[in-house]
Amino acid sequence: MHIFDIHPTSSFPLEDSRLLLVGFQLKVVIPKPRQPMALTWTAPPPGTYKLDVERSSLGNPGNTGRPGVIRNYNSDVLFGFFECYGICTSLEAEFRALIFGLKWFHQHNFFPLIVHSDSKLLLDVVQGQVPGPWHLDLCFLQFQALATYGCHSLHHQFQQTNVVTNSLGKKASASCTSFAANAVPRHIHRSAVINALAFSYIRLCKGTR
C-alpha cells in the first residue's frame, strides 16, 4: 500500500484532490492557517541599555555577518557594528556578536543591560537549556566570563522586530566588510527612527487547528 500526502493549491484545489486510485491511498493534508502577529521594538526602561544582536548568513553554514546595535532608553543609537566572518554557522556568528557587544558594554561601563536576540537556540545554549556544539566551547567560556560582571537580562525577539540589526546584517553578509562606530550609516539611521516611533511589523505565525 502506498500513501501519498496531497497538499491542495490554487491549481490543485481540495475537491480535485479527493481521489481514489486502485492500489494507492491518498491523504489530503490541509495546511494550518497562519495567524498575523504585530511586532514592535521597545526601548529599555529608564537607566538601562539594550543590545540587539542577530545573525545574517547566506546559507548555514555560509557567508555570515554579525550585526548588533546598542541603544539607551531614549532609543538613541550609542553604538552599531557589523562584521563579516566568512564561512561559519549562524549560531557561531550570533555568539560572536553577543560577545562583541558585551565587551563594548564592559569597556564603557554601561549597565544594567538587556540583551535581545532573534536566535532561540543561542539563548538556550548560553542559559544552559541545551548543550552547544563542541567547537563553540571557547565562545561559551567567553560569554560566561563577561556575564559574571554586570546585570544581564537575555530575551528572545523575532527578526522582524528590529529592522536596524536586520539591515546591518544584510550589509555585512553581502559586502564582507566590517564596521563599528558611534553613528550608523544614514540609511540604517532611518531604520532606527522607525523603531523609535514604535511602528509595528506583521509576522505570520503558525496557528492551531
Protein backbone atom coordinates (compact mmCIF):
# COMPACT_ATOMS: atom_id res chain seq x y z
CA MET A 1 0.00 0.00 0.00
CA HIS A 2 1.39 3.45 -0.96
CA ILE A 3 0.39 6.55 0.97
CA PHE A 4 0.84 10.00 -0.57
CA ASP A 5 0.22 13.39 1.03
CA ILE A 6 -1.72 15.79 -1.20
CA HIS A 7 -1.39 19.49 -0.41
CA PRO A 8 -4.25 21.43 -2.08
CA THR A 9 -3.22 24.54 -4.01
CA SER A 10 -4.94 27.04 -6.26
CA SER A 11 -4.03 24.91 -9.28
CA PHE A 12 -4.94 21.68 -7.48
CA PRO A 13 -7.99 22.50 -5.34
CA LEU A 14 -9.27 20.46 -2.45
CA GLU A 15 -12.25 18.99 -4.33
CA ASP A 16 -9.96 17.69 -7.08
CA SER A 17 -7.60 16.15 -4.55
CA ARG A 18 -10.21 13.75 -3.19
CA LEU A 19 -9.06 10.98 -5.47
CA LEU A 20 -9.11 7.23 -5.11
CA LEU A 21 -6.83 5.16 -7.28
CA VAL A 22 -6.59 1.36 -7.31
CA GLY A 23 -3.57 0.30 -5.23
CA PHE A 24 -3.00 3.78 -3.79
CA GLN A 25 -4.28 5.64 -0.76
CA LEU A 26 -4.18 9.44 -0.98
CA LYS A 27 -4.32 11.54 2.18
CA VAL A 28 -5.38 15.17 1.90
CA VAL A 29 -3.29 17.43 4.11
CA ILE A 30 -4.90 20.75 4.99
CA PRO A 31 -2.20 23.31 5.93
CA LYS A 32 -2.61 25.08 9.24
CA PRO A 33 -3.74 28.71 8.89
CA ARG A 34 -1.15 31.35 9.68
CA GLN A 35 -2.07 33.96 12.24
CA PRO A 36 -0.74 37.53 11.94
CA MET A 37 1.29 38.84 14.88
CA ALA A 38 2.12 42.52 15.36
CA LEU A 39 5.77 43.02 16.40
CA THR A 40 7.08 46.29 17.84
CA TRP A 41 10.56 47.20 19.05
CA THR A 42 10.52 48.71 22.53
CA ALA A 43 13.14 50.85 24.22
CA PRO A 44 14.65 49.65 27.51
CA PRO A 45 13.41 51.11 30.82
CA PRO A 46 14.96 54.39 32.04
CA GLY A 47 18.50 53.97 33.31
CA THR A 48 19.15 50.78 31.31
CA TYR A 49 20.70 49.91 27.95
CA LYS A 50 19.71 47.47 25.25
CA LEU A 51 21.81 45.31 22.95
CA ASP A 52 20.08 43.84 19.90
CA VAL A 53 22.05 41.13 18.09
CA GLU A 54 21.24 38.73 15.31
CA ARG A 55 22.96 36.66 12.67
CA SER A 56 22.81 37.16 8.96
CA SER A 57 24.01 34.29 6.80
CA LEU A 58 23.81 33.41 3.15
CA GLY A 59 23.37 29.70 3.90
CA ASN A 60 24.02 27.76 7.10
CA PRO A 61 26.92 27.34 7.07
CA GLY A 62 27.56 30.16 4.64
CA ASN A 63 28.91 33.68 4.25
CA THR A 64 27.96 35.10 7.62
CA GLY A 65 27.86 38.53 9.25
CA ARG A 66 27.32 39.60 12.84
CA PRO A 67 25.31 42.79 13.37
CA GLY A 68 24.49 44.49 16.64
CA VAL A 69 23.04 47.79 17.88
CA ILE A 70 23.29 49.36 21.34
CA ARG A 71 20.64 51.90 22.38
CA ASN A 72 19.57 53.70 25.53
CA TYR A 73 16.12 54.28 26.99
CA ASN A 74 15.62 57.29 24.68
CA SER A 75 16.12 54.96 21.67
CA ASP A 76 19.38 56.79 20.83
CA VAL A 77 21.90 54.65 18.95
CA LEU A 78 25.05 54.63 21.07
CA PHE A 79 26.99 52.10 19.04
CA GLY A 80 26.45 49.97 15.97
CA PHE A 81 28.61 47.25 14.45
CA PHE A 82 28.70 44.59 11.82
CA GLU A 83 31.45 42.24 10.77
CA CYS A 84 31.80 39.52 8.20
CA TYR A 85 33.26 36.22 9.42
CA GLY A 86 33.29 34.36 6.15
CA ILE A 87 32.01 30.79 6.18
CA CYS A 88 30.58 29.71 9.53
CA THR A 89 27.28 28.70 11.09
CA SER A 90 24.62 31.22 12.02
CA LEU A 91 24.86 30.18 15.69
CA GLU A 92 28.59 30.92 15.78
CA ALA A 93 28.06 34.31 14.13
CA GLU A 94 25.43 35.37 16.66
CA PHE A 95 27.55 34.05 19.53
CA ARG A 96 30.38 36.30 18.37
CA ALA A 97 28.05 39.28 18.00
CA LEU A 98 26.82 38.77 21.57
CA ILE A 99 30.38 38.60 22.92
CA PHE A 100 31.47 41.66 20.93
CA GLY A 101 28.55 43.69 22.29
CA LEU A 102 29.16 42.58 25.88
CA LYS A 103 32.83 43.57 25.62
CA TRP A 104 31.81 47.04 24.48
CA PHE A 105 29.48 47.42 27.46
CA HIS A 106 32.23 46.39 29.86
CA GLN A 107 34.72 48.79 28.29
CA HIS A 108 32.29 51.70 28.67
CA ASN A 109 30.73 50.52 31.96
CA PHE A 110 27.16 50.75 30.64
CA PHE A 111 24.91 48.74 32.96
CA PRO A 112 22.35 47.33 33.60
CA LEU A 113 21.97 45.68 30.23
CA ILE A 114 19.10 43.99 28.37
CA VAL A 115 20.05 41.67 25.51
CA HIS A 116 17.62 40.71 22.74
CA SER A 117 18.46 38.07 20.16
CA ASP A 118 16.47 36.50 17.35
CA SER A 119 18.16 33.14 17.96
CA LYS A 120 16.21 30.98 20.40
CA LEU A 121 18.95 28.37 20.12
CA LEU A 122 21.62 30.87 21.20
CA LEU A 123 19.65 31.82 24.30
CA ASP A 124 19.03 28.16 25.15
CA VAL A 125 22.76 27.43 24.87
CA VAL A 126 24.02 30.36 26.98
CA GLN A 127 21.34 29.73 29.62
CA GLY A 128 22.28 26.04 29.82
CA GLN A 129 18.96 24.74 28.49
CA VAL A 130 20.62 22.75 25.68
CA PRO A 131 24.26 21.77 25.07
CA GLY A 132 26.10 23.75 22.43
CA PRO A 133 28.38 22.27 19.74
CA TRP A 134 31.86 21.50 20.98
CA HIS A 135 33.58 23.90 18.59
CA LEU A 136 31.80 26.81 20.32
CA ASP A 137 33.11 25.93 23.80
CA LEU A 138 35.51 28.90 23.69
CA CYS A 139 32.66 31.28 22.83
CA PHE A 140 30.64 29.87 25.72
CA LEU A 141 33.54 30.38 28.16
CA GLN A 142 34.00 33.96 26.94
CA PHE A 143 30.32 34.65 27.48
CA GLN A 144 30.43 33.20 30.99
CA ALA A 145 33.42 35.41 31.87
CA LEU A 146 31.65 38.54 30.61
CA ALA A 147 28.32 37.63 32.20
CA THR A 148 29.96 37.32 35.61
CA TYR A 149 30.10 41.11 35.93
CA GLY A 150 27.20 43.46 35.49
CA CYS A 151 23.48 42.81 35.19
CA HIS A 152 22.41 40.99 32.06
CA SER A 153 18.90 40.03 31.03
CA LEU A 154 18.53 37.80 27.95
CA HIS A 155 15.37 37.70 25.85
CA HIS A 156 14.22 36.34 22.51
CA GLN A 157 12.72 38.53 19.80
CA PHE A 158 11.66 37.83 16.24
CA GLN A 159 13.91 39.12 13.49
CA GLN A 160 11.20 41.40 12.07
CA THR A 161 11.11 43.33 15.34
CA ASN A 162 14.47 45.03 14.84
CA VAL A 163 14.95 46.42 11.34
CA VAL A 164 18.25 48.07 12.34
CA THR A 165 20.21 44.90 13.03
CA ASN A 166 18.47 43.24 10.08
CA SER A 167 19.73 45.98 7.73
CA LEU A 168 23.24 45.84 9.21
CA GLY A 169 23.30 42.07 8.86
CA LYS A 170 22.38 42.14 5.20
CA LYS A 171 25.16 44.65 4.53
CA ALA A 172 27.72 42.56 6.40
CA SER A 173 26.87 39.33 4.58
CA ALA A 174 26.78 40.95 1.14
CA SER A 175 29.87 43.15 1.36
CA CYS A 176 32.15 41.19 3.71
CA THR A 177 33.29 44.46 5.28
CA SER A 178 33.49 45.42 8.95
CA PHE A 179 32.01 48.46 10.64
CA ALA A 180 31.96 49.70 14.23
CA ALA A 181 31.13 53.28 15.19
CA ASN A 182 29.07 55.50 17.45
CA ALA A 183 26.93 56.51 14.47
CA VAL A 184 25.37 54.09 11.99
CA PRO A 185 25.09 54.80 8.24
CA ARG A 186 22.33 57.21 7.19
CA HIS A 187 20.03 54.60 5.69
CA ILE A 188 20.42 52.50 8.85
CA HIS A 189 19.65 55.56 10.98
CA ARG A 190 16.28 55.86 9.24
CA SER A 191 15.50 52.32 10.38
CA ALA A 192 16.42 53.31 13.94
CA VAL A 193 13.94 56.19 13.75
CA ILE A 194 11.22 53.78 12.60
CA ASN A 195 11.98 51.54 15.60
CA ALA A 196 11.89 54.52 17.97
CA LEU A 197 8.46 55.55 16.66
CA ALA A 198 7.16 52.08 17.61
CA PHE A 199 5.89 51.10 14.16
CA SER A 200 4.57 47.56 14.12
CA TYR A 201 5.63 44.83 11.72
CA ILE A 202 3.46 41.85 10.86
CA ARG A 203 4.75 38.30 11.15
CA LEU A 204 2.68 35.33 10.02
CA CYS A 205 2.89 32.64 12.68
CA LYS A 206 1.65 29.08 12.52
CA GLY A 207 -1.78 28.78 14.02
CA THR A 208 -3.62 25.85 15.55
CA ARG A 209 -6.49 23.90 14.10
